[in-house]
Amino acid sequence: MIIPTIDTGLETLLRTELPLPETVGDVSFESPSGTWSAQLNRVTVNLFLFGVGRSAQQPRPPVDRDQNGQAQRRRPIPMLELHYLVSAWAGVVRDEHQLLGDVMACLLQSTALAPAHLPVALPAPVQLTIEPYDNSRAKDVWATVGGAIKPSFELVVTCAADSPAFDDLAPRVARIEALVGHLREPPPGADEADPAGRRG
């Protein structure tokens, strides 16, 4: 669920801030292959998700709650990184450069996805970072998808993974009772034996 949620948030951000209404252009998450690009007939911003992994950031801490008198706990939530290759498609190179520049400016100004852009509430802020330029990395991605190399940049989205369900905890200790009983009497003469069992 988390990836479609982030996709929706990114599309909403771009359509709102560029702006890029649906009547003007598209926001696509398809692989930017040659077959895909040959079918385009509108201005398009492409965000191709090419990598997903665990982030080095610390997991979100566990959360306790009381649900109708039952103590519950949600386990720590790991943080994830989603890597998108962002490119612009407009048919004319100058228009593509303009669109790509506008998209980059929008994402540089937005260090986090506003909750209003997300279809559901998430347990942690969604961070946006544009990675430093890496020509070899971009070439590898374009070669993998089989498309012609275009100006592009890498967007990294850091977010919490899907929230696990709350688990019931054992009942709280309300009272401690001591159990008292009689000690068994030692057999006669036991106190006269030495530790090794020998008599003096």
N, C-alpha and C. Protein backbone atom coordinates (compact mmCIF):
# COMPACT_ATOMS: atom_id res chain seq x y z
N MET A 1 0.82 -1.21 0.00
CA MET A 1 0.00 0.00 0.00
C MET A 1 0.85 1.26 0.00
N ILE A 2 2.05 1.20 0.60
CA ILE A 2 2.83 2.42 0.77
C ILE A 2 3.27 3.00 -0.57
N ILE A 3 3.65 2.16 -1.54
CA ILE A 3 4.14 2.69 -2.83
C ILE A 3 3.02 3.39 -3.60
N PRO A 4 1.82 2.80 -3.76
CA PRO A 4 0.75 3.55 -4.42
C PRO A 4 0.39 4.85 -3.69
N THR A 5 0.51 4.84 -2.36
CA THR A 5 0.23 6.06 -1.59
C THR A 5 1.23 7.15 -1.94
N ILE A 6 2.52 6.80 -2.02
CA ILE A 6 3.55 7.78 -2.37
C ILE A 6 3.38 8.24 -3.81
N ASP A 7 3.07 7.31 -4.73
CA ASP A 7 2.83 7.69 -6.12
C ASP A 7 1.73 8.74 -6.21
N THR A 8 0.64 8.50 -5.52
CA THR A 8 -0.48 9.45 -5.54
C THR A 8 -0.07 10.80 -4.97
N GLY A 9 0.71 10.77 -3.89
CA GLY A 9 1.15 12.03 -3.28
C GLY A 9 2.05 12.82 -4.21
N LEU A 10 2.96 12.15 -4.90
CA LEU A 10 3.85 12.85 -5.84
C LEU A 10 3.06 13.44 -7.00
N GLU A 11 2.12 12.68 -7.54
CA GLU A 11 1.32 13.19 -8.65
C GLU A 11 0.51 14.41 -8.21
N THR A 12 -0.09 14.33 -7.03
CA THR A 12 -0.88 15.46 -6.53
C THR A 12 -0.01 16.69 -6.33
N LEU A 13 1.19 16.48 -5.79
CA LEU A 13 2.12 17.60 -5.59
C LEU A 13 2.45 18.28 -6.92
N LEU A 14 2.82 17.49 -7.93
CA LEU A 14 3.21 18.08 -9.21
C LEU A 14 2.04 18.75 -9.91
N ARG A 15 0.89 18.12 -9.87
CA ARG A 15 -0.27 18.72 -10.55
C ARG A 15 -0.67 20.03 -9.87
N THR A 16 -0.47 20.10 -8.55
CA THR A 16 -0.86 21.31 -7.82
C THR A 16 0.16 22.42 -7.96
N GLU A 17 1.45 22.07 -7.83
CA GLU A 17 2.49 23.09 -7.74
C GLU A 17 3.05 23.54 -9.09
N LEU A 18 2.99 22.71 -10.13
CA LEU A 18 3.59 23.14 -11.41
C LEU A 18 2.90 24.35 -12.02
N PRO A 19 1.62 24.38 -12.26
CA PRO A 19 0.61 23.32 -12.14
C PRO A 19 0.57 22.48 -13.43
N LEU A 20 0.01 21.26 -13.29
CA LEU A 20 -0.14 20.38 -14.45
C LEU A 20 -1.51 19.70 -14.36
N PRO A 21 -2.58 20.42 -14.75
CA PRO A 21 -3.92 19.82 -14.67
C PRO A 21 -4.06 18.66 -15.64
N GLU A 22 -5.00 17.79 -15.36
CA GLU A 22 -5.20 16.60 -16.20
C GLU A 22 -5.58 16.95 -17.63
N THR A 23 -6.15 18.12 -17.83
CA THR A 23 -6.52 18.53 -19.18
C THR A 23 -5.31 18.94 -20.01
N VAL A 24 -4.17 19.17 -19.35
CA VAL A 24 -2.97 19.65 -20.05
C VAL A 24 -1.96 18.54 -20.27
N GLY A 25 -1.72 17.71 -19.26
CA GLY A 25 -0.67 16.70 -19.38
C GLY A 25 -0.86 15.55 -18.42
N ASP A 26 0.08 14.61 -18.48
CA ASP A 26 0.00 13.39 -17.68
C ASP A 26 1.18 13.28 -16.73
N VAL A 27 0.96 12.54 -15.66
CA VAL A 27 2.03 12.11 -14.75
C VAL A 27 2.03 10.59 -14.82
N SER A 28 3.14 10.02 -15.27
CA SER A 28 3.20 8.58 -15.51
C SER A 28 4.27 7.93 -14.63
N PHE A 29 3.99 6.68 -14.24
CA PHE A 29 4.95 5.89 -13.47
C PHE A 29 5.39 4.65 -14.25
N GLU A 30 5.11 4.65 -15.55
CA GLU A 30 5.48 3.53 -16.40
C GLU A 30 6.99 3.53 -16.66
N SER A 31 7.51 2.36 -17.04
CA SER A 31 8.90 2.28 -17.48
C SER A 31 9.06 3.10 -18.75
N PRO A 32 10.01 4.06 -18.80
CA PRO A 32 10.14 4.94 -19.97
C PRO A 32 10.86 4.24 -21.14
N SER A 33 10.31 3.14 -21.59
CA SER A 33 10.91 2.37 -22.68
C SER A 33 10.60 3.04 -24.02
N GLY A 34 11.26 2.58 -25.06
CA GLY A 34 10.99 3.11 -26.40
C GLY A 34 9.56 2.85 -26.83
N THR A 35 9.03 1.68 -26.49
CA THR A 35 7.64 1.35 -26.84
C THR A 35 6.68 2.30 -26.16
N TRP A 36 6.93 2.57 -24.88
CA TRP A 36 6.05 3.48 -24.12
C TRP A 36 6.11 4.90 -24.69
N SER A 37 7.31 5.40 -24.93
CA SER A 37 7.45 6.78 -25.39
C SER A 37 6.85 6.98 -26.78
N ALA A 38 6.84 5.94 -27.62
CA ALA A 38 6.28 6.07 -28.97
C ALA A 38 4.78 6.28 -28.94
N GLN A 39 4.13 5.96 -27.84
CA GLN A 39 2.68 6.10 -27.73
C GLN A 39 2.24 7.43 -27.13
N LEU A 40 3.21 8.25 -26.71
CA LEU A 40 2.86 9.51 -26.06
C LEU A 40 2.33 10.52 -27.06
N ASN A 41 1.29 11.22 -26.66
CA ASN A 41 0.77 12.30 -27.49
C ASN A 41 0.44 13.55 -26.67
N ARG A 42 0.89 13.53 -25.39
CA ARG A 42 0.66 14.69 -24.52
C ARG A 42 1.91 14.96 -23.69
N VAL A 43 1.98 16.18 -23.17
CA VAL A 43 3.05 16.53 -22.24
C VAL A 43 2.99 15.56 -21.06
N THR A 44 4.14 14.99 -20.68
CA THR A 44 4.14 13.96 -19.64
C THR A 44 5.36 14.10 -18.73
N VAL A 45 5.13 14.00 -17.44
CA VAL A 45 6.20 13.86 -16.46
C VAL A 45 6.24 12.39 -16.07
N ASN A 46 7.42 11.78 -16.21
CA ASN A 46 7.56 10.37 -15.88
C ASN A 46 8.39 10.20 -14.60
N LEU A 47 7.84 9.45 -13.66
CA LEU A 47 8.56 9.10 -12.43
C LEU A 47 8.66 7.58 -12.38
N PHE A 48 9.80 7.08 -12.82
CA PHE A 48 10.00 5.63 -12.90
C PHE A 48 10.65 5.13 -11.63
N LEU A 49 9.95 4.29 -10.90
CA LEU A 49 10.46 3.72 -9.66
C LEU A 49 11.40 2.55 -10.01
N PHE A 50 12.71 2.77 -9.83
CA PHE A 50 13.67 1.73 -10.24
C PHE A 50 14.37 1.07 -9.05
N GLY A 51 14.10 1.54 -7.84
CA GLY A 51 14.76 0.93 -6.69
C GLY A 51 14.00 1.17 -5.40
N VAL A 52 13.91 0.13 -4.58
CA VAL A 52 13.27 0.22 -3.27
C VAL A 52 14.14 -0.52 -2.27
N GLY A 53 14.41 0.09 -1.13
CA GLY A 53 15.23 -0.58 -0.12
C GLY A 53 15.01 0.04 1.25
N ARG A 54 15.62 -0.60 2.24
CA ARG A 54 15.50 -0.12 3.61
C ARG A 54 16.42 1.08 3.82
N SER A 55 15.92 2.10 4.49
CA SER A 55 16.69 3.30 4.76
C SER A 55 17.59 3.10 5.97
N ALA A 56 18.68 3.87 6.01
CA ALA A 56 19.58 3.83 7.17
C ALA A 56 18.99 4.59 8.36
N GLN A 57 17.91 5.32 8.15
CA GLN A 57 17.29 6.04 9.26
C GLN A 57 16.71 5.06 10.27
N GLN A 58 16.68 5.49 11.52
CA GLN A 58 16.15 4.65 12.59
C GLN A 58 14.67 4.36 12.38
N PRO A 59 14.21 3.15 12.71
CA PRO A 59 12.78 2.85 12.59
C PRO A 59 11.94 3.75 13.49
N ARG A 60 10.70 3.89 13.13
CA ARG A 60 9.77 4.60 14.00
C ARG A 60 9.55 3.78 15.26
N PRO A 61 9.53 4.42 16.44
CA PRO A 61 9.45 3.65 17.69
C PRO A 61 8.10 2.95 17.85
N PRO A 62 8.05 1.94 18.73
CA PRO A 62 6.77 1.27 18.97
C PRO A 62 5.76 2.22 19.61
N VAL A 63 4.49 1.91 19.43
CA VAL A 63 3.41 2.75 19.95
C VAL A 63 2.48 1.87 20.79
N ASP A 64 2.16 2.33 21.99
CA ASP A 64 1.21 1.63 22.85
C ASP A 64 -0.12 2.38 22.85
N ARG A 65 -1.19 1.63 23.04
CA ARG A 65 -2.51 2.24 23.14
C ARG A 65 -3.42 1.34 23.98
N ASP A 66 -4.52 1.92 24.42
CA ASP A 66 -5.53 1.16 25.16
C ASP A 66 -6.79 1.10 24.31
N GLN A 67 -7.19 -0.09 23.94
CA GLN A 67 -8.35 -0.29 23.08
C GLN A 67 -9.43 -1.02 23.86
N ASN A 68 -10.42 -0.24 24.33
CA ASN A 68 -11.53 -0.82 25.11
C ASN A 68 -11.01 -1.62 26.31
N GLY A 69 -10.02 -1.06 27.00
CA GLY A 69 -9.49 -1.71 28.18
C GLY A 69 -8.40 -2.72 27.91
N GLN A 70 -8.10 -2.99 26.64
CA GLN A 70 -7.06 -3.95 26.27
C GLN A 70 -5.80 -3.20 25.85
N ALA A 71 -4.70 -3.47 26.54
CA ALA A 71 -3.42 -2.84 26.17
C ALA A 71 -2.91 -3.45 24.88
N GLN A 72 -2.49 -2.58 23.95
CA GLN A 72 -1.99 -3.04 22.66
C GLN A 72 -0.70 -2.30 22.31
N ARG A 73 0.11 -2.93 21.45
CA ARG A 73 1.36 -2.31 21.02
C ARG A 73 1.58 -2.55 19.53
N ARG A 74 2.04 -1.50 18.85
CA ARG A 74 2.44 -1.62 17.45
C ARG A 74 3.96 -1.69 17.40
N ARG A 75 4.48 -2.66 16.69
CA ARG A 75 5.93 -2.88 16.61
C ARG A 75 6.63 -1.71 15.90
N PRO A 76 7.95 -1.56 16.08
CA PRO A 76 8.68 -0.50 15.36
C PRO A 76 8.49 -0.64 13.85
N ILE A 77 8.43 0.50 13.16
CA ILE A 77 8.19 0.51 11.71
C ILE A 77 9.48 0.91 11.00
N PRO A 78 10.02 0.06 10.14
CA PRO A 78 11.26 0.43 9.43
C PRO A 78 11.01 1.54 8.42
N MET A 79 12.06 2.29 8.13
CA MET A 79 12.01 3.35 7.13
C MET A 79 12.51 2.81 5.79
N LEU A 80 11.89 3.28 4.71
CA LEU A 80 12.22 2.82 3.37
C LEU A 80 12.73 3.97 2.51
N GLU A 81 13.45 3.61 1.45
CA GLU A 81 13.85 4.57 0.42
C GLU A 81 13.28 4.12 -0.92
N LEU A 82 12.62 5.03 -1.62
CA LEU A 82 12.09 4.78 -2.96
C LEU A 82 12.87 5.67 -3.92
N HIS A 83 13.47 5.07 -4.94
CA HIS A 83 14.29 5.81 -5.90
C HIS A 83 13.56 5.93 -7.24
N TYR A 84 13.30 7.16 -7.64
CA TYR A 84 12.59 7.44 -8.89
C TYR A 84 13.54 8.13 -9.88
N LEU A 85 13.47 7.71 -11.14
CA LEU A 85 14.14 8.44 -12.22
C LEU A 85 13.09 9.37 -12.84
N VAL A 86 13.34 10.67 -12.77
CA VAL A 86 12.36 11.67 -13.20
C VAL A 86 12.78 12.25 -14.55
N SER A 87 11.87 12.24 -15.51
CA SER A 87 12.15 12.79 -16.84
C SER A 87 10.90 13.50 -17.37
N ALA A 88 11.10 14.34 -18.39
CA ALA A 88 9.99 15.11 -18.97
C ALA A 88 9.88 14.80 -20.46
N TRP A 89 8.65 14.73 -20.95
CA TRP A 89 8.38 14.37 -22.34
C TRP A 89 7.38 15.36 -22.92
N ALA A 90 7.81 16.03 -23.99
CA ALA A 90 6.93 17.05 -24.59
C ALA A 90 7.01 17.09 -26.10
N GLY A 91 7.84 16.26 -26.72
CA GLY A 91 7.94 16.26 -28.17
C GLY A 91 8.95 17.24 -28.71
N VAL A 92 9.10 18.38 -28.05
CA VAL A 92 10.06 19.40 -28.45
C VAL A 92 11.09 19.53 -27.32
N VAL A 93 12.38 19.48 -27.69
CA VAL A 93 13.42 19.46 -26.67
C VAL A 93 13.35 20.67 -25.75
N ARG A 94 13.15 21.86 -26.31
CA ARG A 94 13.10 23.06 -25.49
C ARG A 94 11.96 22.97 -24.47
N ASP A 95 10.81 22.48 -24.91
CA ASP A 95 9.68 22.33 -23.98
C ASP A 95 9.97 21.28 -22.91
N GLU A 96 10.67 20.22 -23.29
CA GLU A 96 11.04 19.19 -22.31
C GLU A 96 11.98 19.76 -21.25
N HIS A 97 12.95 20.56 -21.69
CA HIS A 97 13.88 21.16 -20.74
C HIS A 97 13.15 22.10 -19.78
N GLN A 98 12.21 22.86 -20.32
CA GLN A 98 11.44 23.78 -19.48
C GLN A 98 10.64 23.00 -18.44
N LEU A 99 9.98 21.94 -18.90
CA LEU A 99 9.15 21.14 -17.99
C LEU A 99 10.02 20.45 -16.93
N LEU A 100 11.16 19.89 -17.35
CA LEU A 100 12.03 19.21 -16.39
C LEU A 100 12.57 20.20 -15.35
N GLY A 101 12.91 21.39 -15.80
CA GLY A 101 13.37 22.41 -14.86
C GLY A 101 12.29 22.80 -13.86
N ASP A 102 11.06 22.92 -14.34
CA ASP A 102 9.95 23.25 -13.44
C ASP A 102 9.72 22.14 -12.41
N VAL A 103 9.82 20.89 -12.86
CA VAL A 103 9.63 19.76 -11.95
C VAL A 103 10.73 19.74 -10.90
N MET A 104 11.96 19.96 -11.33
CA MET A 104 13.08 19.96 -10.37
C MET A 104 12.93 21.09 -9.36
N ALA A 105 12.56 22.28 -9.82
CA ALA A 105 12.37 23.40 -8.91
C ALA A 105 11.28 23.09 -7.90
N CYS A 106 10.21 22.47 -8.35
CA CYS A 106 9.11 22.11 -7.46
C CYS A 106 9.57 21.15 -6.38
N LEU A 107 10.34 20.13 -6.77
CA LEU A 107 10.78 19.12 -5.81
C LEU A 107 11.90 19.62 -4.90
N LEU A 108 12.70 20.56 -5.40
CA LEU A 108 13.73 21.15 -4.55
C LEU A 108 13.11 22.00 -3.44
N GLN A 109 12.03 22.65 -3.75
CA GLN A 109 11.36 23.50 -2.76
C GLN A 109 10.53 22.68 -1.78
N SER A 110 10.19 21.47 -2.14
CA SER A 110 9.35 20.64 -1.28
C SER A 110 10.21 19.54 -0.67
N THR A 111 10.70 19.77 0.53
CA THR A 111 11.55 18.77 1.19
C THR A 111 10.73 17.63 1.79
N ALA A 112 9.42 17.79 1.81
CA ALA A 112 8.54 16.74 2.33
C ALA A 112 7.19 16.84 1.63
N LEU A 113 6.52 15.71 1.51
CA LEU A 113 5.18 15.70 0.95
C LEU A 113 4.19 16.18 2.00
N ALA A 114 3.44 17.20 1.68
CA ALA A 114 2.44 17.69 2.64
C ALA A 114 1.37 16.63 2.85
N PRO A 115 0.92 16.45 4.10
CA PRO A 115 -0.14 15.45 4.36
C PRO A 115 -1.37 15.64 3.48
N ALA A 116 -1.63 16.88 3.07
CA ALA A 116 -2.81 17.14 2.23
C ALA A 116 -2.70 16.47 0.87
N HIS A 117 -1.47 16.18 0.42
CA HIS A 117 -1.28 15.54 -0.88
C HIS A 117 -1.42 14.01 -0.82
N LEU A 118 -1.46 13.47 0.38
CA LEU A 118 -1.50 12.01 0.55
C LEU A 118 -2.93 11.52 0.74
N PRO A 119 -3.28 10.39 0.15
CA PRO A 119 -4.65 9.90 0.28
C PRO A 119 -4.96 9.34 1.66
N VAL A 120 -3.94 8.94 2.42
CA VAL A 120 -4.13 8.44 3.78
C VAL A 120 -3.04 9.01 4.67
N ALA A 121 -3.29 9.03 5.97
CA ALA A 121 -2.28 9.51 6.92
C ALA A 121 -1.20 8.44 7.10
N LEU A 122 0.05 8.88 7.19
CA LEU A 122 1.18 7.98 7.38
C LEU A 122 1.82 8.22 8.74
N PRO A 123 2.50 7.21 9.29
CA PRO A 123 3.05 7.33 10.65
C PRO A 123 4.32 8.18 10.74
N ALA A 124 4.84 8.66 9.61
CA ALA A 124 6.05 9.48 9.63
C ALA A 124 6.03 10.42 8.43
N PRO A 125 6.72 11.58 8.52
CA PRO A 125 6.79 12.48 7.37
C PRO A 125 7.43 11.80 6.17
N VAL A 126 7.01 12.20 4.97
CA VAL A 126 7.57 11.67 3.73
C VAL A 126 8.60 12.68 3.21
N GLN A 127 9.88 12.30 3.25
CA GLN A 127 10.97 13.21 2.91
C GLN A 127 11.33 13.08 1.42
N LEU A 128 11.64 14.22 0.80
CA LEU A 128 12.01 14.26 -0.61
C LEU A 128 13.43 14.80 -0.74
N THR A 129 14.27 14.08 -1.51
CA THR A 129 15.65 14.50 -1.72
C THR A 129 16.04 14.24 -3.18
N ILE A 130 16.67 15.22 -3.81
CA ILE A 130 17.21 15.02 -5.15
C ILE A 130 18.67 14.64 -5.00
N GLU A 131 19.03 13.47 -5.53
CA GLU A 131 20.37 12.94 -5.39
C GLU A 131 21.37 13.73 -6.24
N PRO A 132 22.64 13.79 -5.82
CA PRO A 132 23.68 14.39 -6.66
C PRO A 132 23.78 13.66 -8.00
N TYR A 133 24.20 14.38 -9.00
CA TYR A 133 24.27 13.83 -10.36
C TYR A 133 25.22 12.65 -10.42
N ASP A 134 24.76 11.55 -11.03
CA ASP A 134 25.57 10.35 -11.23
C ASP A 134 25.29 9.84 -12.64
N ASN A 135 26.18 10.17 -13.57
CA ASN A 135 25.96 9.84 -14.98
C ASN A 135 25.89 8.34 -15.21
N SER A 136 26.76 7.58 -14.56
CA SER A 136 26.78 6.13 -14.77
C SER A 136 25.49 5.48 -14.26
N ARG A 137 24.99 5.96 -13.16
CA ARG A 137 23.75 5.40 -12.61
C ARG A 137 22.59 5.66 -13.55
N ALA A 138 22.48 6.89 -14.07
CA ALA A 138 21.40 7.21 -15.00
C ALA A 138 21.51 6.36 -16.27
N LYS A 139 22.73 6.22 -16.78
CA LYS A 139 22.91 5.40 -17.98
C LYS A 139 22.48 3.96 -17.75
N ASP A 140 22.79 3.44 -16.57
CA ASP A 140 22.41 2.06 -16.26
C ASP A 140 20.89 1.89 -16.26
N VAL A 141 20.19 2.86 -15.70
CA VAL A 141 18.72 2.76 -15.65
C VAL A 141 18.14 2.85 -17.06
N TRP A 142 18.61 3.82 -17.85
CA TRP A 142 18.10 3.95 -19.22
C TRP A 142 18.41 2.72 -20.05
N ALA A 143 19.59 2.14 -19.85
CA ALA A 143 19.95 0.94 -20.60
C ALA A 143 19.06 -0.24 -20.20
N THR A 144 18.70 -0.30 -18.93
CA THR A 144 17.87 -1.39 -18.44
C THR A 144 16.46 -1.34 -19.03
N VAL A 145 15.89 -0.14 -19.12
CA VAL A 145 14.52 -0.02 -19.63
C VAL A 145 14.48 -0.02 -21.15
N GLY A 146 15.64 0.12 -21.81
CA GLY A 146 15.68 0.07 -23.26
C GLY A 146 15.21 1.33 -23.94
N GLY A 147 15.30 2.45 -23.24
CA GLY A 147 14.88 3.71 -23.84
C GLY A 147 16.07 4.58 -24.20
N ALA A 148 15.82 5.62 -25.00
CA ALA A 148 16.88 6.56 -25.36
C ALA A 148 17.20 7.43 -24.14
N ILE A 149 18.48 7.71 -23.94
CA ILE A 149 18.88 8.53 -22.78
C ILE A 149 18.35 9.94 -22.93
N LYS A 150 17.72 10.43 -21.86
CA LYS A 150 17.18 11.78 -21.84
C LYS A 150 17.66 12.48 -20.58
N PRO A 151 17.62 13.82 -20.57
CA PRO A 151 17.92 14.53 -19.33
C PRO A 151 16.97 14.05 -18.22
N SER A 152 17.53 13.78 -17.06
CA SER A 152 16.73 13.23 -15.97
C SER A 152 17.46 13.45 -14.66
N PHE A 153 16.77 13.23 -13.57
CA PHE A 153 17.41 13.29 -12.25
C PHE A 153 16.77 12.25 -11.35
N GLU A 154 17.47 11.95 -10.26
CA GLU A 154 17.01 10.91 -9.33
C GLU A 154 16.38 11.54 -8.09
N LEU A 155 15.16 11.14 -7.82
CA LEU A 155 14.44 11.59 -6.63
C LEU A 155 14.40 10.44 -5.63
N VAL A 156 14.79 10.72 -4.40
CA VAL A 156 14.72 9.71 -3.34
C VAL A 156 13.63 10.11 -2.34
N VAL A 157 12.70 9.21 -2.14
CA VAL A 157 11.62 9.43 -1.18
C VAL A 157 11.87 8.52 0.01
N THR A 158 11.97 9.10 1.19
CA THR A 158 12.16 8.34 2.42
C THR A 158 10.87 8.37 3.22
N CYS A 159 10.36 7.19 3.54
CA CYS A 159 9.06 7.11 4.21
C CYS A 159 9.02 5.87 5.09
N ALA A 160 8.05 5.82 5.98
CA ALA A 160 7.85 4.64 6.82
C ALA A 160 7.17 3.55 6.02
N ALA A 161 7.52 2.31 6.33
CA ALA A 161 6.86 1.18 5.68
C ALA A 161 5.41 1.10 6.13
N ASP A 162 4.67 0.18 5.54
CA ASP A 162 3.27 0.01 5.95
C ASP A 162 3.22 -0.31 7.44
N SER A 163 2.26 0.31 8.12
CA SER A 163 2.15 0.13 9.56
C SER A 163 1.64 -1.27 9.90
N PRO A 164 2.34 -2.00 10.79
CA PRO A 164 1.81 -3.29 11.22
C PRO A 164 0.61 -3.11 12.12
N ALA A 165 -0.15 -4.17 12.29
CA ALA A 165 -1.31 -4.12 13.16
C ALA A 165 -0.87 -4.06 14.63
N PHE A 166 -1.76 -3.57 15.48
CA PHE A 166 -1.51 -3.57 16.92
C PHE A 166 -1.74 -4.98 17.46
N ASP A 167 -0.84 -5.42 18.33
CA ASP A 167 -0.97 -6.72 18.98
C ASP A 167 -1.41 -6.54 20.42
N ASP A 168 -2.27 -7.45 20.89
CA ASP A 168 -2.69 -7.41 22.29
C ASP A 168 -1.52 -7.76 23.19
N LEU A 169 -1.40 -7.03 24.30
CA LEU A 169 -0.38 -7.32 25.29
C LEU A 169 -0.96 -8.16 26.42
N ALA A 170 -0.10 -8.84 27.15
CA ALA A 170 -0.56 -9.60 28.30
C ALA A 170 -1.16 -8.66 29.33
N PRO A 171 -2.14 -9.13 30.09
CA PRO A 171 -2.76 -8.27 31.11
C PRO A 171 -1.72 -7.71 32.07
N ARG A 172 -1.94 -6.48 32.50
CA ARG A 172 -1.03 -5.86 33.46
C ARG A 172 -1.12 -6.58 34.81
N VAL A 173 0.00 -6.62 35.51
CA VAL A 173 0.02 -7.21 36.85
C VAL A 173 -0.67 -6.25 37.81
N ALA A 174 -1.78 -6.71 38.43
CA ALA A 174 -2.54 -5.85 39.33
C ALA A 174 -2.22 -6.14 40.79
N ARG A 175 -1.80 -7.38 41.12
CA ARG A 175 -1.54 -7.74 42.51
C ARG A 175 -0.54 -8.88 42.55
N ILE A 176 0.35 -8.82 43.51
CA ILE A 176 1.33 -9.87 43.72
C ILE A 176 1.02 -10.55 45.04
N GLU A 177 0.86 -11.87 45.06
CA GLU A 177 0.56 -12.63 46.27
C GLU A 177 1.73 -13.53 46.61
N ALA A 178 2.05 -13.61 47.90
CA ALA A 178 3.12 -14.49 48.36
C ALA A 178 2.52 -15.84 48.77
N LEU A 179 3.18 -16.90 48.36
CA LEU A 179 2.76 -18.23 48.75
C LEU A 179 3.61 -18.66 49.95
N VAL A 180 2.97 -18.99 51.06
CA VAL A 180 3.66 -19.34 52.31
C VAL A 180 3.36 -20.79 52.64
N GLY A 181 4.38 -21.56 52.97
CA GLY A 181 4.20 -22.96 53.36
C GLY A 181 5.21 -23.35 54.42
N HIS A 182 5.02 -24.54 55.01
CA HIS A 182 5.94 -25.03 56.03
C HIS A 182 7.17 -25.64 55.38
N LEU A 183 8.35 -25.36 56.01
CA LEU A 183 9.58 -25.99 55.56
C LEU A 183 9.64 -27.42 56.07
N ARG A 184 10.15 -28.32 55.29
CA ARG A 184 10.27 -29.72 55.71
C ARG A 184 11.38 -29.85 56.75
N GLU A 185 11.08 -30.57 57.84
CA GLU A 185 12.06 -30.76 58.89
C GLU A 185 13.19 -31.67 58.39
N PRO A 186 14.47 -31.34 58.71
CA PRO A 186 15.58 -32.21 58.31
C PRO A 186 15.55 -33.51 59.09
N PRO A 187 16.03 -34.60 58.54
CA PRO A 187 16.06 -35.88 59.26
C PRO A 187 16.98 -35.82 60.47
N PRO A 188 16.73 -36.64 61.48
CA PRO A 188 17.57 -36.60 62.69
C PRO A 188 19.04 -36.86 62.37
N GLY A 189 19.91 -36.09 63.00
CA GLY A 189 21.35 -36.26 62.82
C GLY A 189 21.91 -35.64 61.57
N ALA A 190 21.06 -35.02 60.73
CA ALA A 190 21.58 -34.44 59.49
C ALA A 190 22.52 -33.32 59.75
N ASP A 191 22.30 -32.59 60.89
CA ASP A 191 23.17 -31.44 61.19
C ASP A 191 24.54 -31.86 61.70
N GLU A 192 24.69 -33.18 62.00
CA GLU A 192 25.98 -33.62 62.48
C GLU A 192 26.91 -34.06 61.35
N ALA A 193 26.38 -34.23 60.14
CA ALA A 193 27.21 -34.67 59.00
C ALA A 193 27.99 -33.51 58.43
N ASP A 194 29.22 -33.77 58.00
CA ASP A 194 30.01 -32.71 57.38
C ASP A 194 29.55 -32.52 55.92
N PRO A 195 29.98 -31.46 55.22
CA PRO A 195 29.50 -31.21 53.85
C PRO A 195 29.70 -32.38 52.91
N ALA A 196 30.68 -33.23 53.17
CA ALA A 196 30.93 -34.38 52.29
C ALA A 196 30.14 -35.60 52.69
N GLY A 197 29.34 -35.47 53.72
CA GLY A 197 28.52 -36.58 54.13
C GLY A 197 29.21 -37.50 55.11
N ARG A 198 30.43 -37.13 55.62
CA ARG A 198 31.15 -37.98 56.57
C ARG A 198 30.81 -37.54 57.98
N ARG A 199 30.80 -38.45 58.89
CA ARG A 199 30.56 -38.14 60.28
C ARG A 199 31.90 -37.90 60.99
N GLY A 200 31.85 -37.01 62.04
CA GLY A 200 33.07 -36.69 62.74
C GLY A 200 33.43 -37.73 63.79
